[in-house]
Amino acid sequence: MTGPLRDPRELAAATAADRRAHLVDGLTAVECRRCGACALVRKSSLAQTSIQWTAEAVHRCQAYLASTGCADLHGSIDAAVAAGRLPVHGG
């Protein structure tokens, strides 16, 4: 073990904050120009994109594949970055 023992409530709060930072903070809704499906997206750099598909978006998008997502949404993400609607956090 490294460091002092933490109070369980303090640890739970830190865990919740960490979860929020990884799963929610910095996400921007991006709508696909083809089908209108809306996914939550974070660009950590120009090369790294995190996409969280909602159940509604998966059902709406006819091109969605679990392994690759949707090429049309990726195009919409690129357009959102170019238009300044989607910030690139690391660059």
N, C-alpha and C. Protein backbone atom coordinates (compact mmCIF):
# COMPACT_ATOMS: atom_id res chain seq x y z
N MET A 1 0.83 -1.16 0.00
CA MET A 1 0.00 0.00 0.00
C MET A 1 0.89 1.24 0.00
N THR A 2 0.49 2.24 -0.76
CA THR A 2 1.25 3.49 -0.77
C THR A 2 0.37 4.61 -0.24
N GLY A 3 0.85 5.33 0.72
CA GLY A 3 0.12 6.46 1.28
C GLY A 3 -0.76 6.06 2.44
N PRO A 4 -1.34 7.06 3.09
CA PRO A 4 -2.16 6.80 4.27
C PRO A 4 -3.52 6.22 3.88
N LEU A 5 -4.15 5.53 4.85
CA LEU A 5 -5.51 5.04 4.65
C LEU A 5 -6.45 6.24 4.55
N ARG A 6 -7.45 6.11 3.69
CA ARG A 6 -8.40 7.20 3.51
C ARG A 6 -9.75 6.80 4.09
N ASP A 7 -10.45 7.79 4.58
CA ASP A 7 -11.81 7.59 5.07
C ASP A 7 -12.65 7.07 3.90
N PRO A 8 -13.49 6.05 4.12
CA PRO A 8 -14.30 5.49 3.02
C PRO A 8 -15.17 6.52 2.31
N ARG A 9 -15.69 7.51 3.03
CA ARG A 9 -16.51 8.55 2.39
C ARG A 9 -15.65 9.43 1.48
N GLU A 10 -14.45 9.74 1.93
CA GLU A 10 -13.53 10.54 1.12
C GLU A 10 -13.13 9.76 -0.14
N LEU A 11 -12.86 8.48 0.04
CA LEU A 11 -12.51 7.63 -1.10
C LEU A 11 -13.67 7.52 -2.09
N ALA A 12 -14.89 7.37 -1.58
CA ALA A 12 -16.06 7.29 -2.45
C ALA A 12 -16.25 8.59 -3.23
N ALA A 13 -16.05 9.72 -2.58
CA ALA A 13 -16.18 11.01 -3.26
C ALA A 13 -15.11 11.17 -4.33
N ALA A 14 -13.88 10.77 -4.02
CA ALA A 14 -12.79 10.86 -4.99
C ALA A 14 -13.05 9.93 -6.18
N THR A 15 -13.58 8.75 -5.91
CA THR A 15 -13.90 7.81 -6.97
C THR A 15 -14.99 8.37 -7.87
N ALA A 16 -16.02 8.96 -7.28
CA ALA A 16 -17.11 9.56 -8.06
C ALA A 16 -16.59 10.71 -8.92
N ALA A 17 -15.71 11.53 -8.36
CA ALA A 17 -15.14 12.64 -9.12
C ALA A 17 -14.30 12.13 -10.28
N ASP A 18 -13.52 11.08 -10.03
CA ASP A 18 -12.70 10.49 -11.08
C ASP A 18 -13.57 9.91 -12.18
N ARG A 19 -14.63 9.23 -11.80
CA ARG A 19 -15.56 8.65 -12.79
C ARG A 19 -16.17 9.75 -13.65
N ARG A 20 -16.62 10.85 -13.01
CA ARG A 20 -17.19 11.99 -13.75
C ARG A 20 -16.17 12.55 -14.73
N ALA A 21 -14.94 12.70 -14.28
CA ALA A 21 -13.89 13.27 -15.14
C ALA A 21 -13.66 12.42 -16.37
N HIS A 22 -13.73 11.10 -16.22
CA HIS A 22 -13.46 10.22 -17.35
C HIS A 22 -14.68 9.98 -18.23
N LEU A 23 -15.88 10.03 -17.65
CA LEU A 23 -17.06 9.65 -18.41
C LEU A 23 -17.97 10.80 -18.82
N VAL A 24 -17.84 11.96 -18.20
CA VAL A 24 -18.79 13.03 -18.46
C VAL A 24 -18.10 14.35 -18.83
N ASP A 25 -17.11 14.76 -18.04
CA ASP A 25 -16.50 16.08 -18.25
C ASP A 25 -15.90 16.19 -19.64
N GLY A 26 -16.13 17.33 -20.25
CA GLY A 26 -15.55 17.60 -21.55
C GLY A 26 -16.30 16.98 -22.72
N LEU A 27 -17.40 16.28 -22.45
CA LEU A 27 -18.17 15.68 -23.54
C LEU A 27 -19.09 16.73 -24.17
N THR A 28 -19.18 16.70 -25.47
CA THR A 28 -20.03 17.61 -26.23
C THR A 28 -20.96 16.77 -27.10
N ALA A 29 -22.23 17.13 -27.14
CA ALA A 29 -23.17 16.43 -28.01
C ALA A 29 -22.88 16.78 -29.46
N VAL A 30 -22.71 15.77 -30.29
CA VAL A 30 -22.50 15.96 -31.73
C VAL A 30 -23.57 15.17 -32.47
N GLU A 31 -24.28 15.86 -33.35
CA GLU A 31 -25.35 15.24 -34.12
C GLU A 31 -24.83 14.84 -35.49
N CYS A 32 -25.15 13.62 -35.88
CA CYS A 32 -24.75 13.12 -37.20
C CYS A 32 -25.51 13.88 -38.28
N ARG A 33 -24.78 14.35 -39.27
CA ARG A 33 -25.40 15.10 -40.37
C ARG A 33 -26.28 14.21 -41.25
N ARG A 34 -26.04 12.90 -41.24
CA ARG A 34 -26.82 12.01 -42.09
C ARG A 34 -28.14 11.61 -41.44
N CYS A 35 -28.07 11.08 -40.21
CA CYS A 35 -29.28 10.50 -39.61
C CYS A 35 -29.81 11.26 -38.41
N GLY A 36 -29.03 12.20 -37.87
CA GLY A 36 -29.47 12.98 -36.72
C GLY A 36 -29.21 12.32 -35.38
N ALA A 37 -28.60 11.12 -35.38
CA ALA A 37 -28.24 10.48 -34.11
C ALA A 37 -27.27 11.40 -33.36
N CYS A 38 -27.44 11.47 -32.05
CA CYS A 38 -26.60 12.36 -31.24
C CYS A 38 -25.76 11.53 -30.28
N ALA A 39 -24.44 11.66 -30.38
CA ALA A 39 -23.52 10.97 -29.49
C ALA A 39 -22.74 12.01 -28.68
N LEU A 40 -22.19 11.59 -27.56
CA LEU A 40 -21.38 12.47 -26.73
C LEU A 40 -19.92 12.24 -27.08
N VAL A 41 -19.20 13.33 -27.34
CA VAL A 41 -17.85 13.24 -27.91
C VAL A 41 -16.89 14.12 -27.14
N ARG A 42 -15.66 13.61 -26.97
CA ARG A 42 -14.57 14.41 -26.41
C ARG A 42 -13.35 14.20 -27.29
N LYS A 43 -12.72 15.29 -27.69
CA LYS A 43 -11.47 15.24 -28.45
C LYS A 43 -10.35 15.61 -27.49
N SER A 44 -9.52 14.62 -27.14
CA SER A 44 -8.38 14.87 -26.26
C SER A 44 -7.18 15.36 -27.04
N SER A 45 -7.16 15.09 -28.34
CA SER A 45 -6.14 15.59 -29.26
C SER A 45 -6.74 15.44 -30.65
N LEU A 46 -6.04 15.93 -31.65
CA LEU A 46 -6.56 15.76 -33.01
C LEU A 46 -6.65 14.28 -33.40
N ALA A 47 -5.77 13.46 -32.82
CA ALA A 47 -5.75 12.03 -33.17
C ALA A 47 -6.64 11.18 -32.26
N GLN A 48 -7.05 11.70 -31.10
CA GLN A 48 -7.79 10.87 -30.14
C GLN A 48 -9.20 11.41 -29.94
N THR A 49 -10.17 10.53 -30.18
CA THR A 49 -11.58 10.88 -30.04
C THR A 49 -12.27 9.85 -29.16
N SER A 50 -12.99 10.31 -28.15
CA SER A 50 -13.81 9.43 -27.32
C SER A 50 -15.26 9.66 -27.69
N ILE A 51 -15.98 8.58 -27.98
CA ILE A 51 -17.39 8.69 -28.37
C ILE A 51 -18.21 7.81 -27.45
N GLN A 52 -19.22 8.40 -26.84
CA GLN A 52 -20.17 7.64 -26.04
C GLN A 52 -21.50 7.63 -26.79
N TRP A 53 -21.85 6.44 -27.25
CA TRP A 53 -23.11 6.26 -27.95
C TRP A 53 -24.21 6.03 -26.93
N THR A 54 -25.32 6.74 -27.07
CA THR A 54 -26.48 6.48 -26.24
C THR A 54 -27.29 5.37 -26.90
N ALA A 55 -28.14 4.72 -26.13
CA ALA A 55 -29.01 3.67 -26.70
C ALA A 55 -29.88 4.25 -27.80
N GLU A 56 -30.37 5.47 -27.59
CA GLU A 56 -31.22 6.12 -28.60
C GLU A 56 -30.45 6.33 -29.91
N ALA A 57 -29.20 6.78 -29.81
CA ALA A 57 -28.40 7.01 -31.02
C ALA A 57 -28.12 5.71 -31.76
N VAL A 58 -27.83 4.64 -31.02
CA VAL A 58 -27.58 3.34 -31.64
C VAL A 58 -28.81 2.88 -32.41
N HIS A 59 -29.98 3.06 -31.83
CA HIS A 59 -31.22 2.64 -32.50
C HIS A 59 -31.53 3.51 -33.71
N ARG A 60 -31.17 4.77 -33.65
CA ARG A 60 -31.48 5.70 -34.74
C ARG A 60 -30.55 5.53 -35.94
N CYS A 61 -29.29 5.20 -35.67
CA CYS A 61 -28.28 5.13 -36.74
C CYS A 61 -28.30 3.75 -37.41
N GLN A 62 -28.65 3.72 -38.68
CA GLN A 62 -28.69 2.46 -39.43
C GLN A 62 -27.29 1.98 -39.81
N ALA A 63 -26.30 2.86 -39.76
CA ALA A 63 -24.94 2.51 -40.16
C ALA A 63 -24.05 2.13 -38.98
N TYR A 64 -24.57 2.19 -37.76
CA TYR A 64 -23.77 1.94 -36.56
C TYR A 64 -23.31 0.49 -36.49
N LEU A 65 -22.02 0.32 -36.23
CA LEU A 65 -21.44 -0.99 -35.96
C LEU A 65 -20.71 -0.89 -34.62
N ALA A 66 -20.89 -1.88 -33.76
CA ALA A 66 -20.26 -1.84 -32.44
C ALA A 66 -18.74 -1.73 -32.54
N SER A 67 -18.15 -2.31 -33.56
CA SER A 67 -16.68 -2.32 -33.68
C SER A 67 -16.11 -1.00 -34.19
N THR A 68 -16.86 -0.27 -35.01
CA THR A 68 -16.30 0.92 -35.64
C THR A 68 -17.15 2.18 -35.47
N GLY A 69 -18.34 2.04 -34.91
CA GLY A 69 -19.22 3.20 -34.80
C GLY A 69 -19.86 3.50 -36.12
N CYS A 70 -19.75 4.71 -36.59
CA CYS A 70 -20.38 5.15 -37.84
C CYS A 70 -19.47 6.14 -38.55
N ALA A 71 -19.16 5.85 -39.80
CA ALA A 71 -18.30 6.74 -40.59
C ALA A 71 -18.93 8.11 -40.76
N ASP A 72 -20.26 8.17 -40.90
CA ASP A 72 -20.92 9.46 -41.06
C ASP A 72 -20.79 10.31 -39.81
N LEU A 73 -20.89 9.69 -38.63
CA LEU A 73 -20.71 10.45 -37.38
C LEU A 73 -19.27 10.94 -37.29
N HIS A 74 -18.31 10.13 -37.68
CA HIS A 74 -16.92 10.57 -37.65
C HIS A 74 -16.74 11.81 -38.53
N GLY A 75 -17.40 11.84 -39.68
CA GLY A 75 -17.36 13.03 -40.54
C GLY A 75 -18.00 14.23 -39.88
N SER A 76 -19.09 14.00 -39.16
CA SER A 76 -19.75 15.08 -38.44
C SER A 76 -18.87 15.61 -37.31
N ILE A 77 -18.13 14.73 -36.66
CA ILE A 77 -17.19 15.14 -35.61
C ILE A 77 -16.09 16.00 -36.21
N ASP A 78 -15.52 15.57 -37.32
CA ASP A 78 -14.47 16.37 -37.98
C ASP A 78 -15.00 17.75 -38.36
N ALA A 79 -16.24 17.80 -38.86
CA ALA A 79 -16.84 19.09 -39.23
C ALA A 79 -17.06 19.96 -38.00
N ALA A 80 -17.47 19.36 -36.88
CA ALA A 80 -17.68 20.12 -35.65
C ALA A 80 -16.37 20.70 -35.13
N VAL A 81 -15.28 19.94 -35.24
CA VAL A 81 -13.97 20.44 -34.84
C VAL A 81 -13.57 21.61 -35.74
N ALA A 82 -13.72 21.44 -37.06
CA ALA A 82 -13.34 22.49 -38.01
C ALA A 82 -14.15 23.77 -37.80
N ALA A 83 -15.43 23.63 -37.40
CA ALA A 83 -16.29 24.79 -37.20
C ALA A 83 -16.14 25.40 -35.81
N GLY A 84 -15.33 24.76 -34.95
CA GLY A 84 -15.12 25.27 -33.60
C GLY A 84 -16.23 24.91 -32.62
N ARG A 85 -17.13 24.00 -32.99
CA ARG A 85 -18.21 23.58 -32.09
C ARG A 85 -17.77 22.46 -31.15
N LEU A 86 -16.65 21.82 -31.46
CA LEU A 86 -16.12 20.73 -30.63
C LEU A 86 -14.67 21.05 -30.29
N PRO A 87 -14.39 21.38 -29.02
CA PRO A 87 -13.01 21.74 -28.67
C PRO A 87 -12.08 20.53 -28.65
N VAL A 88 -10.82 20.79 -28.97
CA VAL A 88 -9.77 19.79 -28.86
C VAL A 88 -9.00 20.13 -27.60
N HIS A 89 -9.18 19.32 -26.55
CA HIS A 89 -8.65 19.65 -25.22
C HIS A 89 -7.13 19.62 -25.13
N GLY A 90 -6.49 18.76 -25.87
CA GLY A 90 -5.05 18.65 -25.77
C GLY A 90 -4.31 19.46 -26.82
N GLY A 91 -5.02 20.20 -27.61
CA GLY A 91 -4.31 20.92 -28.65
C GLY A 91 -5.07 22.01 -29.14
